[in-house]
Amino acid sequence: MAKALGVGGFFFRAQNPAALAEWYQTHLGINPAPTDLDAPPWVTDGGVTVFSPFAADTDYFRPDKNFMINFRVDDMDGIIAQLTDAGIEIKNTQTMDGIGRFVHIEDPEGTPIELWQPA
């Protein structure tokens, strides 16, 4: 059977795409989509990607949003310090034995983001 090999991109609408792309680059180190052959794309490190539909009434993330983005991070304490210094609110800090550490933040347009440092 033919199958998907991984996520090749994540495309979504934004009120201010340029400003939002800059926010993701500044705070999470994610390069914006290349606009020419000289612009480097964001290349992820290999690892787990979870694809998980949630129940429509989940309270795990904002009820007015249809999705939450989860990013693996290499240094949870470091990224929490960076984000806090930038005035970004850290929410829902938790540790799950054998799985890792999690925190929730939102981008400037209110998109829920989960940061995960695997165990």
PDB file of N, CA and C in Angstrom:
ATOM      1  N   MET A   1       0.841  -1.183   0.000  1.00  0.00           N
ATOM      2  CA  MET A   1       0.000   0.000   0.000  1.00  0.00           C
ATOM      3  C   MET A   1       0.886   1.246   0.000  1.00  0.00           C
ATOM      4  N   ALA A   2       0.556   2.204  -0.819  1.00  0.00           N
ATOM      5  CA  ALA A   2       1.245   3.497  -0.795  1.00  0.00           C
ATOM      6  C   ALA A   2       0.832   4.229   0.465  1.00  0.00           C
ATOM      7  N   LYS A   3       1.738   5.043   1.019  1.00  0.00           N
ATOM      8  CA  LYS A   3       1.415   5.735   2.270  1.00  0.00           C
ATOM      9  C   LYS A   3       2.132   7.073   2.343  1.00  0.00           C
ATOM     10  N   ALA A   4       1.672   7.931   3.220  1.00  0.00           N
ATOM     11  CA  ALA A   4       2.329   9.203   3.481  1.00  0.00           C
ATOM     12  C   ALA A   4       3.631   8.932   4.228  1.00  0.00           C
ATOM     13  N   LEU A   5       4.678   9.682   3.914  1.00  0.00           N
ATOM     14  CA  LEU A   5       5.980   9.493   4.545  1.00  0.00           C
ATOM     15  C   LEU A   5       6.239  10.464   5.690  1.00  0.00           C
ATOM     16  N   GLY A   6       5.493  11.522   5.736  1.00  0.00           N
ATOM     17  CA  GLY A   6       5.678  12.527   6.777  1.00  0.00           C
ATOM     18  C   GLY A   6       4.952  13.794   6.388  1.00  0.00           C
ATOM     19  N   VAL A   7       5.030  14.779   7.233  1.00  0.00           N
ATOM     20  CA  VAL A   7       4.388  16.063   6.966  1.00  0.00           C
ATOM     21  C   VAL A   7       5.330  16.875   6.083  1.00  0.00           C
ATOM     22  N   GLY A   8       4.833  17.317   4.946  1.00  0.00           N
ATOM     23  CA  GLY A   8       5.640  18.102   4.016  1.00  0.00           C
ATOM     24  C   GLY A   8       5.418  19.593   4.162  1.00  0.00           C
ATOM     25  N   GLY A   9       4.398  19.974   4.882  1.00  0.00           N
ATOM     26  CA  GLY A   9       4.112  21.389   5.099  1.00  0.00           C
ATOM     27  C   GLY A   9       2.851  21.532   5.918  1.00  0.00           C
ATOM     28  N   PHE A  10       2.680  22.697   6.463  1.00  0.00           N
ATOM     29  CA  PHE A  10       1.461  23.016   7.212  1.00  0.00           C
ATOM     30  C   PHE A  10       1.032  24.394   6.735  1.00  0.00           C
ATOM     31  N   PHE A  11      -0.107  24.482   6.090  1.00  0.00           N
ATOM     32  CA  PHE A  11      -0.556  25.707   5.457  1.00  0.00           C
ATOM     33  C   PHE A  11      -1.838  26.174   6.129  1.00  0.00           C
ATOM     34  N   PHE A  12      -1.883  27.446   6.488  1.00  0.00           N
ATOM     35  CA  PHE A  12      -3.063  27.969   7.169  1.00  0.00           C
ATOM     36  C   PHE A  12      -3.220  29.452   6.878  1.00  0.00           C
ATOM     37  N   ARG A  13      -4.428  29.940   7.072  1.00  0.00           N
ATOM     38  CA  ARG A  13      -4.724  31.355   6.852  1.00  0.00           C
ATOM     39  C   ARG A  13      -4.260  32.171   8.054  1.00  0.00           C
ATOM     40  N   ALA A  14      -3.854  33.398   7.781  1.00  0.00           N
ATOM     41  CA  ALA A  14      -3.438  34.308   8.859  1.00  0.00           C
ATOM     42  C   ALA A  14      -3.880  35.718   8.497  1.00  0.00           C
ATOM     43  N   GLN A  15      -4.158  36.502   9.511  1.00  0.00           N
ATOM     44  CA  GLN A  15      -4.528  37.905   9.293  1.00  0.00           C
ATOM     45  C   GLN A  15      -3.338  38.686   8.739  1.00  0.00           C
ATOM     46  N   ASN A  16      -2.141  38.381   9.248  1.00  0.00           N
ATOM     47  CA  ASN A  16      -0.931  39.062   8.814  1.00  0.00           C
ATOM     48  C   ASN A  16       0.152  38.004   8.603  1.00  0.00           C
ATOM     49  N   PRO A  17       0.172  37.353   7.431  1.00  0.00           N
ATOM     50  CA  PRO A  17       1.098  36.243   7.202  1.00  0.00           C
ATOM     51  C   PRO A  17       2.565  36.599   7.419  1.00  0.00           C
ATOM     52  N   ALA A  18       3.010  37.754   6.954  1.00  0.00           N
ATOM     53  CA  ALA A  18       4.431  38.128   7.094  1.00  0.00           C
ATOM     54  C   ALA A  18       4.808  38.288   8.560  1.00  0.00           C
ATOM     55  N   ALA A  19       3.977  38.971   9.329  1.00  0.00           N
ATOM     56  CA  ALA A  19       4.272  39.169  10.751  1.00  0.00           C
ATOM     57  C   ALA A  19       4.226  37.850  11.505  1.00  0.00           C
ATOM     58  N   LEU A  20       3.295  36.996  11.165  1.00  0.00           N
ATOM     59  CA  LEU A  20       3.189  35.710  11.857  1.00  0.00           C
ATOM     60  C   LEU A  20       4.386  34.812  11.514  1.00  0.00           C
ATOM     61  N   ALA A  21       4.808  34.805  10.245  1.00  0.00           N
ATOM     62  CA  ALA A  21       5.997  34.035   9.868  1.00  0.00           C
ATOM     63  C   ALA A  21       7.220  34.538  10.629  1.00  0.00           C
ATOM     64  N   GLU A  22       7.333  35.850  10.795  1.00  0.00           N
ATOM     65  CA  GLU A  22       8.452  36.418  11.553  1.00  0.00           C
ATOM     66  C   GLU A  22       8.389  36.008  13.025  1.00  0.00           C
ATOM     67  N   TRP A  23       7.197  35.972  13.615  1.00  0.00           N
ATOM     68  CA  TRP A  23       7.027  35.561  15.011  1.00  0.00           C
ATOM     69  C   TRP A  23       7.508  34.112  15.195  1.00  0.00           C
ATOM     70  N   TYR A  24       7.093  33.211  14.292  1.00  0.00           N
ATOM     71  CA  TYR A  24       7.516  31.812  14.396  1.00  0.00           C
ATOM     72  C   TYR A  24       9.030  31.681  14.229  1.00  0.00           C
ATOM     73  N   GLN A  25       9.616  32.480  13.344  1.00  0.00           N
ATOM     74  CA  GLN A  25      11.065  32.423  13.162  1.00  0.00           C
ATOM     75  C   GLN A  25      11.789  32.971  14.391  1.00  0.00           C
ATOM     76  N   THR A  26      11.330  34.087  14.918  1.00  0.00           N
ATOM     77  CA  THR A  26      11.968  34.720  16.071  1.00  0.00           C
ATOM     78  C   THR A  26      11.873  33.867  17.325  1.00  0.00           C
ATOM     79  N   HIS A  27      10.693  33.325  17.602  1.00  0.00           N
ATOM     80  CA  HIS A  27      10.470  32.664  18.890  1.00  0.00           C
ATOM     81  C   HIS A  27      10.640  31.151  18.877  1.00  0.00           C
ATOM     82  N   LEU A  28      10.496  30.525  17.701  1.00  0.00           N
ATOM     83  CA  LEU A  28      10.601  29.063  17.639  1.00  0.00           C
ATOM     84  C   LEU A  28      11.657  28.583  16.650  1.00  0.00           C
ATOM     85  N   GLY A  29      12.314  29.507  15.955  1.00  0.00           N
ATOM     86  CA  GLY A  29      13.382  29.132  15.037  1.00  0.00           C
ATOM     87  C   GLY A  29      12.906  28.456  13.762  1.00  0.00           C
ATOM     88  N   ILE A  30      11.666  28.724  13.355  1.00  0.00           N
ATOM     89  CA  ILE A  30      11.089  28.105  12.168  1.00  0.00           C
ATOM     90  C   ILE A  30      11.238  29.070  10.992  1.00  0.00           C
ATOM     91  N   ASN A  31      12.036  28.676  10.001  1.00  0.00           N
ATOM     92  CA  ASN A  31      12.197  29.515   8.818  1.00  0.00           C
ATOM     93  C   ASN A  31      10.885  29.612   8.061  1.00  0.00           C
ATOM     94  N   PRO A  32      10.578  30.793   7.523  1.00  0.00           N
ATOM     95  CA  PRO A  32       9.357  30.903   6.700  1.00  0.00           C
ATOM     96  C   PRO A  32       9.508  30.123   5.401  1.00  0.00           C
ATOM     97  N   ALA A  33       8.410  29.908   4.723  1.00  0.00           N
ATOM     98  CA  ALA A  33       8.440  29.197   3.446  1.00  0.00           C
ATOM     99  C   ALA A  33       9.351  29.944   2.479  1.00  0.00           C
ATOM    100  N   PRO A  34      10.214  29.225   1.780  1.00  0.00           N
ATOM    101  CA  PRO A  34      11.119  29.884   0.831  1.00  0.00           C
ATOM    102  C   PRO A  34      10.348  30.595  -0.278  1.00  0.00           C
ATOM    103  N   THR A  35      10.862  31.743  -0.668  1.00  0.00           N
ATOM    104  CA  THR A  35      10.255  32.493  -1.766  1.00  0.00           C
ATOM    105  C   THR A  35      11.139  32.462  -3.008  1.00  0.00           C
ATOM    106  N   ASP A  36      12.348  31.876  -2.874  1.00  0.00           N
ATOM    107  CA  ASP A  36      13.238  31.688  -4.009  1.00  0.00           C
ATOM    108  C   ASP A  36      14.196  30.546  -3.683  1.00  0.00           C
ATOM    109  N   LEU A  37      15.047  30.203  -4.626  1.00  0.00           N
ATOM    110  CA  LEU A  37      15.940  29.051  -4.444  1.00  0.00           C
ATOM    111  C   LEU A  37      17.048  29.286  -3.416  1.00  0.00           C
ATOM    112  N   ASP A  38      17.293  30.546  -3.050  1.00  0.00           N
ATOM    113  CA  ASP A  38      18.345  30.855  -2.080  1.00  0.00           C
ATOM    114  C   ASP A  38      17.856  30.865  -0.635  1.00  0.00           C
ATOM    115  N   ALA A  39      16.541  30.911  -0.432  1.00  0.00           N
ATOM    116  CA  ALA A  39      15.981  30.958   0.922  1.00  0.00           C
ATOM    117  C   ALA A  39      15.927  29.539   1.493  1.00  0.00           C
ATOM    118  N   PRO A  40      16.519  29.331   2.666  1.00  0.00           N
ATOM    119  CA  PRO A  40      16.510  27.974   3.224  1.00  0.00           C
ATOM    120  C   PRO A  40      15.143  27.630   3.839  1.00  0.00           C
ATOM    121  N   PRO A  41      14.632  26.442   3.552  1.00  0.00           N
ATOM    122  CA  PRO A  41      13.393  26.014   4.208  1.00  0.00           C
ATOM    123  C   PRO A  41      13.695  25.566   5.636  1.00  0.00           C
ATOM    124  N   TRP A  42      12.665  25.416   6.426  1.00  0.00           N
ATOM    125  CA  TRP A  42      12.811  24.842   7.766  1.00  0.00           C
ATOM    126  C   TRP A  42      12.968  23.342   7.585  1.00  0.00           C
ATOM    127  N   VAL A  43      14.042  22.782   8.098  1.00  0.00           N
ATOM    128  CA  VAL A  43      14.286  21.346   8.027  1.00  0.00           C
ATOM    129  C   VAL A  43      14.191  20.806   9.448  1.00  0.00           C
ATOM    130  N   THR A  44      13.276  19.897   9.674  1.00  0.00           N
ATOM    131  CA  THR A  44      13.064  19.371  11.013  1.00  0.00           C
ATOM    132  C   THR A  44      14.026  18.234  11.314  1.00  0.00           C
ATOM    133  N   ASP A  45      14.278  18.036  12.601  1.00  0.00           N
ATOM    134  CA  ASP A  45      15.022  16.860  13.040  1.00  0.00           C
ATOM    135  C   ASP A  45      14.072  15.674  12.996  1.00  0.00           C
ATOM    136  N   GLY A  46      14.598  14.498  12.711  1.00  0.00           N
ATOM    137  CA  GLY A  46      13.772  13.301  12.683  1.00  0.00           C
ATOM    138  C   GLY A  46      13.193  13.010  14.057  1.00  0.00           C
ATOM    139  N   GLY A  47      12.039  12.478  14.080  1.00  0.00           N
ATOM    140  CA  GLY A  47      11.404  12.131  15.348  1.00  0.00           C
ATOM    141  C   GLY A  47       9.935  11.827  15.146  1.00  0.00           C
ATOM    142  N   VAL A  48       9.284  11.598  16.240  1.00  0.00           N
ATOM    143  CA  VAL A  48       7.869  11.244  16.244  1.00  0.00           C
ATOM    144  C   VAL A  48       7.013  12.421  15.785  1.00  0.00           C
ATOM    145  N   THR A  49       6.010  12.127  14.963  1.00  0.00           N
ATOM    146  CA  THR A  49       4.956  13.075  14.636  1.00  0.00           C
ATOM    147  C   THR A  49       3.639  12.380  14.962  1.00  0.00           C
ATOM    148  N   VAL A  50       2.856  12.984  15.823  1.00  0.00           N
ATOM    149  CA  VAL A  50       1.573  12.398  16.221  1.00  0.00           C
ATOM    150  C   VAL A  50       0.472  13.057  15.398  1.00  0.00           C
ATOM    151  N   PHE A  51      -0.352  12.249  14.776  1.00  0.00           N
ATOM    152  CA  PHE A  51      -1.508  12.717  14.017  1.00  0.00           C
ATOM    153  C   PHE A  51      -2.724  12.228  14.775  1.00  0.00           C
ATOM    154  N   SER A  52      -3.462  13.142  15.431  1.00  0.00           N
ATOM    155  CA  SER A  52      -4.502  12.699  16.344  1.00  0.00           C
ATOM    156  C   SER A  52      -5.728  13.604  16.328  1.00  0.00           C
ATOM    157  N   PRO A  53      -6.798  13.175  15.661  1.00  0.00           N
ATOM    158  CA  PRO A  53      -8.048  13.916  15.787  1.00  0.00           C
ATOM    159  C   PRO A  53      -8.546  13.852  17.238  1.00  0.00           C
ATOM    160  N   PHE A  54      -8.998  14.979  17.748  1.00  0.00           N
ATOM    161  CA  PHE A  54      -9.568  15.052  19.095  1.00  0.00           C
ATOM    162  C   PHE A  54     -11.081  15.163  18.982  1.00  0.00           C
ATOM    163  N   ALA A  55     -11.778  14.804  20.041  1.00  0.00           N
ATOM    164  CA  ALA A  55     -13.231  14.974  20.089  1.00  0.00           C
ATOM    165  C   ALA A  55     -13.572  16.453  19.922  1.00  0.00           C
ATOM    166  N   ALA A  56     -14.689  16.742  19.294  1.00  0.00           N
ATOM    167  CA  ALA A  56     -15.101  18.126  19.037  1.00  0.00           C
ATOM    168  C   ALA A  56     -15.236  18.938  20.320  1.00  0.00           C
ATOM    169  N   ASP A  57     -15.522  18.286  21.436  1.00  0.00           N
ATOM    170  CA  ASP A  57     -15.717  19.011  22.692  1.00  0.00           C
ATOM    171  C   ASP A  57     -14.499  18.950  23.621  1.00  0.00           C
ATOM    172  N   THR A  58     -13.312  18.636  23.082  1.00  0.00           N
ATOM    173  CA  THR A  58     -12.114  18.563  23.922  1.00  0.00           C
ATOM    174  C   THR A  58     -11.855  19.889  24.623  1.00  0.00           C
ATOM    175  N   ASP A  59     -11.324  19.805  25.825  1.00  0.00           N
ATOM    176  CA  ASP A  59     -10.905  21.023  26.522  1.00  0.00           C
ATOM    177  C   ASP A  59      -9.377  21.096  26.598  1.00  0.00           C
ATOM    178  N   TYR A  60      -8.694  20.274  25.794  1.00  0.00           N
ATOM    179  CA  TYR A  60      -7.232  20.258  25.806  1.00  0.00           C
ATOM    180  C   TYR A  60      -6.650  21.504  25.148  1.00  0.00           C
ATOM    181  N   PHE A  61      -7.392  22.111  24.215  1.00  0.00           N
ATOM    182  CA  PHE A  61      -6.995  23.389  23.634  1.00  0.00           C
ATOM    183  C   PHE A  61      -8.242  24.210  23.354  1.00  0.00           C
ATOM    184  N   ARG A  62      -8.042  25.463  22.958  1.00  0.00           N
ATOM    185  CA  ARG A  62      -9.128  26.436  22.824  1.00  0.00           C
ATOM    186  C   ARG A  62     -10.314  25.891  22.030  1.00  0.00           C
ATOM    187  N   PRO A  63     -11.522  26.070  22.557  1.00  0.00           N
ATOM    188  CA  PRO A  63     -12.708  25.539  21.872  1.00  0.00           C
ATOM    189  C   PRO A  63     -13.036  26.271  20.566  1.00  0.00           C
ATOM    190  N   ASP A  64     -12.500  27.480  20.379  1.00  0.00           N
ATOM    191  CA  ASP A  64     -12.789  28.231  19.151  1.00  0.00           C
ATOM    192  C   ASP A  64     -11.779  27.952  18.037  1.00  0.00           C
ATOM    193  N   LYS A  65     -10.863  27.001  18.265  1.00  0.00           N
ATOM    194  CA  LYS A  65      -9.861  26.639  17.262  1.00  0.00           C
ATOM    195  C   LYS A  65     -10.025  25.166  16.889  1.00  0.00           C
ATOM    196  N   ASN A  66      -9.849  24.865  15.617  1.00  0.00           N
ATOM    197  CA  ASN A  66     -10.012  23.491  15.140  1.00  0.00           C
ATOM    198  C   ASN A  66      -8.754  22.658  15.244  1.00  0.00           C
ATOM    199  N   PHE A  67      -7.613  23.286  15.506  1.00  0.00           N
ATOM    200  CA  PHE A  67      -6.373  22.529  15.587  1.00  0.00           C
ATOM    201  C   PHE A  67      -5.411  23.172  16.574  1.00  0.00           C
ATOM    202  N   MET A  68      -4.448  22.392  16.995  1.00  0.00           N
ATOM    203  CA  MET A  68      -3.332  22.853  17.811  1.00  0.00           C
ATOM    204  C   MET A  68      -2.072  22.283  17.165  1.00  0.00           C
ATOM    205  N   ILE A  69      -1.028  23.091  17.073  1.00  0.00           N
ATOM    206  CA  ILE A  69       0.240  22.634  16.519  1.00  0.00           C
ATOM    207  C   ILE A  69       1.121  22.184  17.673  1.00  0.00           C
ATOM    208  N   ASN A  70       1.771  21.034  17.527  1.00  0.00           N
ATOM    209  CA  ASN A  70       2.709  20.533  18.530  1.00  0.00           C
ATOM    210  C   ASN A  70       4.098  20.535  17.906  1.00  0.00           C
ATOM    211  N   PHE A  71       5.046  21.202  18.585  1.00  0.00           N
ATOM    212  CA  PHE A  71       6.428  21.217  18.132  1.00  0.00           C
ATOM    213  C   PHE A  71       7.304  20.521  19.161  1.00  0.00           C
ATOM    214  N   ARG A  72       8.181  19.611  18.686  1.00  0.00           N
ATOM    215  CA  ARG A  72       9.190  19.024  19.557  1.00  0.00           C
ATOM    216  C   ARG A  72      10.259  20.076  19.806  1.00  0.00           C
ATOM    217  N   VAL A  73      10.739  20.177  21.043  1.00  0.00           N
ATOM    218  CA  VAL A  73      11.805  21.121  21.386  1.00  0.00           C
ATOM    219  C   VAL A  73      12.964  20.367  22.029  1.00  0.00           C
ATOM    220  N   ASP A  74      14.152  20.978  21.965  1.00  0.00           N
ATOM    221  CA  ASP A  74      15.340  20.310  22.498  1.00  0.00           C
ATOM    222  C   ASP A  74      15.686  20.718  23.920  1.00  0.00           C
ATOM    223  N   ASP A  75      15.140  21.835  24.392  1.00  0.00           N
ATOM    224  CA  ASP A  75      15.498  22.361  25.713  1.00  0.00           C
ATOM    225  C   ASP A  75      14.302  23.113  26.278  1.00  0.00           C
ATOM    226  N   MET A  76      13.437  22.410  27.002  1.00  0.00           N
ATOM    227  CA  MET A  76      12.204  23.015  27.503  1.00  0.00           C
ATOM    228  C   MET A  76      12.493  24.199  28.421  1.00  0.00           C
ATOM    229  N   ASP A  77      13.435  24.042  29.345  1.00  0.00           N
ATOM    230  CA  ASP A  77      13.736  25.153  30.255  1.00  0.00           C
ATOM    231  C   ASP A  77      14.238  26.366  29.475  1.00  0.00           C
ATOM    232  N   GLY A  78      15.089  26.124  28.471  1.00  0.00           N
ATOM    233  CA  GLY A  78      15.624  27.209  27.665  1.00  0.00           C
ATOM    234  C   GLY A  78      14.547  27.933  26.877  1.00  0.00           C
ATOM    235  N   ILE A  79      13.631  27.178  26.266  1.00  0.00           N
ATOM    236  CA  ILE A  79      12.599  27.827  25.457  1.00  0.00           C
ATOM    237  C   ILE A  79      11.578  28.529  26.332  1.00  0.00           C
ATOM    238  N   ILE A  80      11.301  27.974  27.526  1.00  0.00           N
ATOM    239  CA  ILE A  80      10.403  28.664  28.453  1.00  0.00           C
ATOM    240  C   ILE A  80      11.011  30.010  28.849  1.00  0.00           C
ATOM    241  N   ALA A  81      12.306  30.030  29.139  1.00  0.00           N
ATOM    242  CA  ALA A  81      12.981  31.286  29.502  1.00  0.00           C
ATOM    243  C   ALA A  81      12.923  32.281  28.349  1.00  0.00           C
ATOM    244  N   GLN A  82      13.218  31.835  27.121  1.00  0.00           N
ATOM    245  CA  GLN A  82      13.170  32.711  25.947  1.00  0.00           C
ATOM    246  C   GLN A  82      11.786  33.305  25.763  1.00  0.00           C
ATOM    247  N   LEU A  83      10.777  32.460  25.823  1.00  0.00           N
ATOM    248  CA  LEU A  83       9.411  32.915  25.593  1.00  0.00           C
ATOM    249  C   LEU A  83       8.942  33.854  26.703  1.00  0.00           C
ATOM    250  N   THR A  84       9.265  33.531  27.941  1.00  0.00           N
ATOM    251  CA  THR A  84       8.893  34.376  29.071  1.00  0.00           C
ATOM    252  C   THR A  84       9.554  35.746  28.942  1.00  0.00           C
ATOM    253  N   ASP A  85      10.841  35.762  28.580  1.00  0.00           N
ATOM    254  CA  ASP A  85      11.552  37.028  28.374  1.00  0.00           C
ATOM    255  C   ASP A  85      10.912  37.867  27.273  1.00  0.00           C
ATOM    256  N   ALA A  86      10.298  37.208  26.292  1.00  0.00           N
ATOM    257  CA  ALA A  86       9.642  37.907  25.190  1.00  0.00           C
ATOM    258  C   ALA A  86       8.200  38.295  25.522  1.00  0.00           C
ATOM    259  N   GLY A  87       7.753  37.981  26.745  1.00  0.00           N
ATOM    260  CA  GLY A  87       6.397  38.340  27.163  1.00  0.00           C
ATOM    261  C   GLY A  87       5.330  37.373  26.694  1.00  0.00           C
ATOM    262  N   ILE A  88       5.713  36.174  26.288  1.00  0.00           N
ATOM    263  CA  ILE A  88       4.754  35.167  25.821  1.00  0.00           C
ATOM    264  C   ILE A  88       4.333  34.306  27.011  1.00  0.00           C
ATOM    265  N   GLU A  89       3.032  34.220  27.221  1.00  0.00           N
ATOM    266  CA  GLU A  89       2.489  33.494  28.375  1.00  0.00           C
ATOM    267  C   GLU A  89       2.651  31.982  28.212  1.00  0.00           C
ATOM    268  N   ILE A  90       3.169  31.355  29.248  1.00  0.00           N
ATOM    269  CA  ILE A  90       3.328  29.906  29.309  1.00  0.00           C
ATOM    270  C   ILE A  90       2.129  29.359  30.080  1.00  0.00           C
ATOM    271  N   LYS A  91       1.450  28.366  29.501  1.00  0.00           N
ATOM    272  CA  LYS A  91       0.260  27.787  30.125  1.00  0.00           C
ATOM    273  C   LYS A  91       0.393  26.269  30.198  1.00  0.00           C
ATOM    274  N   ASN A  92      -0.368  25.678  31.069  1.00  0.00           N
ATOM    275  CA  ASN A  92      -0.561  24.230  31.109  1.00  0.00           C
ATOM    276  C   ASN A  92       0.757  23.451  31.077  1.00  0.00           C
ATOM    277  N   THR A  93       1.646  23.751  31.989  1.00  0.00           N
ATOM    278  CA  THR A  93       2.910  23.025  32.094  1.00  0.00           C
ATOM    279  C   THR A  93       2.642  21.651  32.706  1.00  0.00           C
ATOM    280  N   GLN A  94       3.143  20.597  32.059  1.00  0.00           N
ATOM    281  CA  GLN A  94       2.941  19.259  32.614  1.00  0.00           C
ATOM    282  C   GLN A  94       4.044  18.305  32.173  1.00  0.00           C
ATOM    283  N   THR A  95       4.215  17.258  32.962  1.00  0.00           N
ATOM    284  CA  THR A  95       5.157  16.196  32.635  1.00  0.00           C
ATOM    285  C   THR A  95       4.382  14.889  32.636  1.00  0.00           C
ATOM    286  N   MET A  96       4.604  14.074  31.604  1.00  0.00           N
ATOM    287  CA  MET A  96       3.975  12.757  31.524  1.00  0.00           C
ATOM    288  C   MET A  96       5.098  11.731  31.545  1.00  0.00           C
ATOM    289  N   ASP A  97       5.114  10.895  32.575  1.00  0.00           N
ATOM    290  CA  ASP A  97       6.167   9.883  32.716  1.00  0.00           C
ATOM    291  C   ASP A  97       6.319   9.064  31.444  1.00  0.00           C
ATOM    292  N   GLY A  98       7.551   8.951  30.982  1.00  0.00           N
ATOM    293  CA  GLY A  98       7.855   8.157  29.806  1.00  0.00           C
ATOM    294  C   GLY A  98       7.550   8.847  28.480  1.00  0.00           C
ATOM    295  N   ILE A  99       6.867   9.981  28.523  1.00  0.00           N
ATOM    296  CA  ILE A  99       6.502  10.690  27.290  1.00  0.00           C
ATOM    297  C   ILE A  99       7.248  12.018  27.175  1.00  0.00           C
ATOM    298  N   GLY A 100       7.274  12.785  28.255  1.00  0.00           N
ATOM    299  CA  GLY A 100       8.030  14.024  28.231  1.00  0.00           C
ATOM    300  C   GLY A 100       7.325  15.185  28.902  1.00  0.00           C
ATOM    301  N   ARG A 101       7.873  16.371  28.638  1.00  0.00           N
ATOM    302  CA  ARG A 101       7.365  17.609  29.218  1.00  0.00           C
ATOM    303  C   ARG A 101       6.602  18.407  28.158  1.00  0.00           C
ATOM    304  N   PHE A 102       5.568  19.108  28.593  1.00  0.00           N
ATOM    305  CA  PHE A 102       4.716  19.872  27.697  1.00  0.00           C
ATOM    306  C   PHE A 102       4.426  21.250  28.284  1.00  0.00           C
ATOM    307  N   VAL A 103       4.312  22.243  27.431  1.00  0.00           N
ATOM    308  CA  VAL A 103       3.748  23.543  27.787  1.00  0.00           C
ATOM    309  C   VAL A 103       2.897  24.009  26.620  1.00  0.00           C
ATOM    310  N   HIS A 104       1.946  24.873  26.916  1.00  0.00           N
ATOM    311  CA  HIS A 104       1.103  25.456  25.882  1.00  0.00           C
ATOM    312  C   HIS A 104       1.374  26.952  25.802  1.00  0.00           C
ATOM    313  N   ILE A 105       1.368  27.463  24.578  1.00  0.00           N
ATOM    314  CA  ILE A 105       1.460  28.897  24.314  1.00  0.00           C
ATOM    315  C   ILE A 105       0.472  29.185  23.189  1.00  0.00           C
ATOM    316  N   GLU A 106       0.363  30.450  22.793  1.00  0.00           N
ATOM    317  CA  GLU A 106      -0.424  30.830  21.623  1.00  0.00           C
ATOM    318  C   GLU A 106       0.396  31.780  20.777  1.00  0.00           C
ATOM    319  N   ASP A 107       0.217  31.704  19.462  1.00  0.00           N
ATOM    320  CA  ASP A 107       0.863  32.682  18.602  1.00  0.00           C
ATOM    321  C   ASP A 107       0.065  33.989  18.652  1.00  0.00           C
ATOM    322  N   PRO A 108       0.527  35.059  18.027  1.00  0.00           N
ATOM    323  CA  PRO A 108      -0.177  36.340  18.117  1.00  0.00           C
ATOM    324  C   PRO A 108      -1.607  36.325  17.578  1.00  0.00           C
ATOM    325  N   GLU A 109      -1.964  35.332  16.769  1.00  0.00           N
ATOM    326  CA  GLU A 109      -3.327  35.250  16.250  1.00  0.00           C
ATOM    327  C   GLU A 109      -4.166  34.235  17.022  1.00  0.00           C
ATOM    328  N   GLY A 110      -3.641  33.758  18.153  1.00  0.00           N
ATOM    329  CA  GLY A 110      -4.404  32.882  19.029  1.00  0.00           C
ATOM    330  C   GLY A 110      -4.357  31.405  18.692  1.00  0.00           C
ATOM    331  N   THR A 111      -3.503  31.008  17.767  1.00  0.00           N
ATOM    332  CA  THR A 111      -3.373  29.584  17.443  1.00  0.00           C
ATOM    333  C   THR A 111      -2.744  28.856  18.620  1.00  0.00           C
ATOM    334  N   PRO A 112      -3.392  27.810  19.124  1.00  0.00           N
ATOM    335  CA  PRO A 112      -2.813  27.055  20.225  1.00  0.00           C
ATOM    336  C   PRO A 112      -1.581  26.268  19.756  1.00  0.00           C
ATOM    337  N   ILE A 113      -0.525  26.336  20.560  1.00  0.00           N
ATOM    338  CA  ILE A 113       0.720  25.645  20.271  1.00  0.00           C
ATOM    339  C   ILE A 113       1.124  24.855  21.509  1.00  0.00           C
ATOM    340  N   GLU A 114       1.466  23.605  21.296  1.00  0.00           N
ATOM    341  CA  GLU A 114       1.995  22.777  22.364  1.00  0.00           C
ATOM    342  C   GLU A 114       3.464  22.526  22.069  1.00  0.00           C
ATOM    343  N   LEU A 115       4.321  22.785  23.047  1.00  0.00           N
ATOM    344  CA  LEU A 115       5.734  22.488  22.933  1.00  0.00           C
ATOM    345  C   LEU A 115       6.002  21.224  23.737  1.00  0.00           C
ATOM    346  N   TRP A 116       6.757  20.321  23.162  1.00  0.00           N
ATOM    347  CA  TRP A 116       6.980  19.010  23.762  1.00  0.00           C
ATOM    348  C   TRP A 116       8.467  18.681  23.736  1.00  0.00           C
ATOM    349  N   GLN A 117       9.013  18.397  24.899  1.00  0.00           N
ATOM    350  CA  GLN A 117      10.366  17.855  24.981  1.00  0.00           C
ATOM    351  C   GLN A 117      10.204  16.383  25.321  1.00  0.00           C
ATOM    352  N   PRO A 118      10.445  15.498  24.329  1.00  0.00           N
ATOM    353  CA  PRO A 118      10.277  14.068  24.586  1.00  0.00           C
ATOM    354  C   PRO A 118      11.169  13.594  25.731  1.00  0.00           C
ATOM    355  N   ALA A 119      10.692  12.569  26.429  1.00  0.00           N
ATOM    356  CA  ALA A 119      11.456  11.987  27.537  1.00  0.00           C
ATOM    357  C   ALA A 119      12.758  11.415  27.016  1.00  0.00           C
TER     358      ALA A 119
END
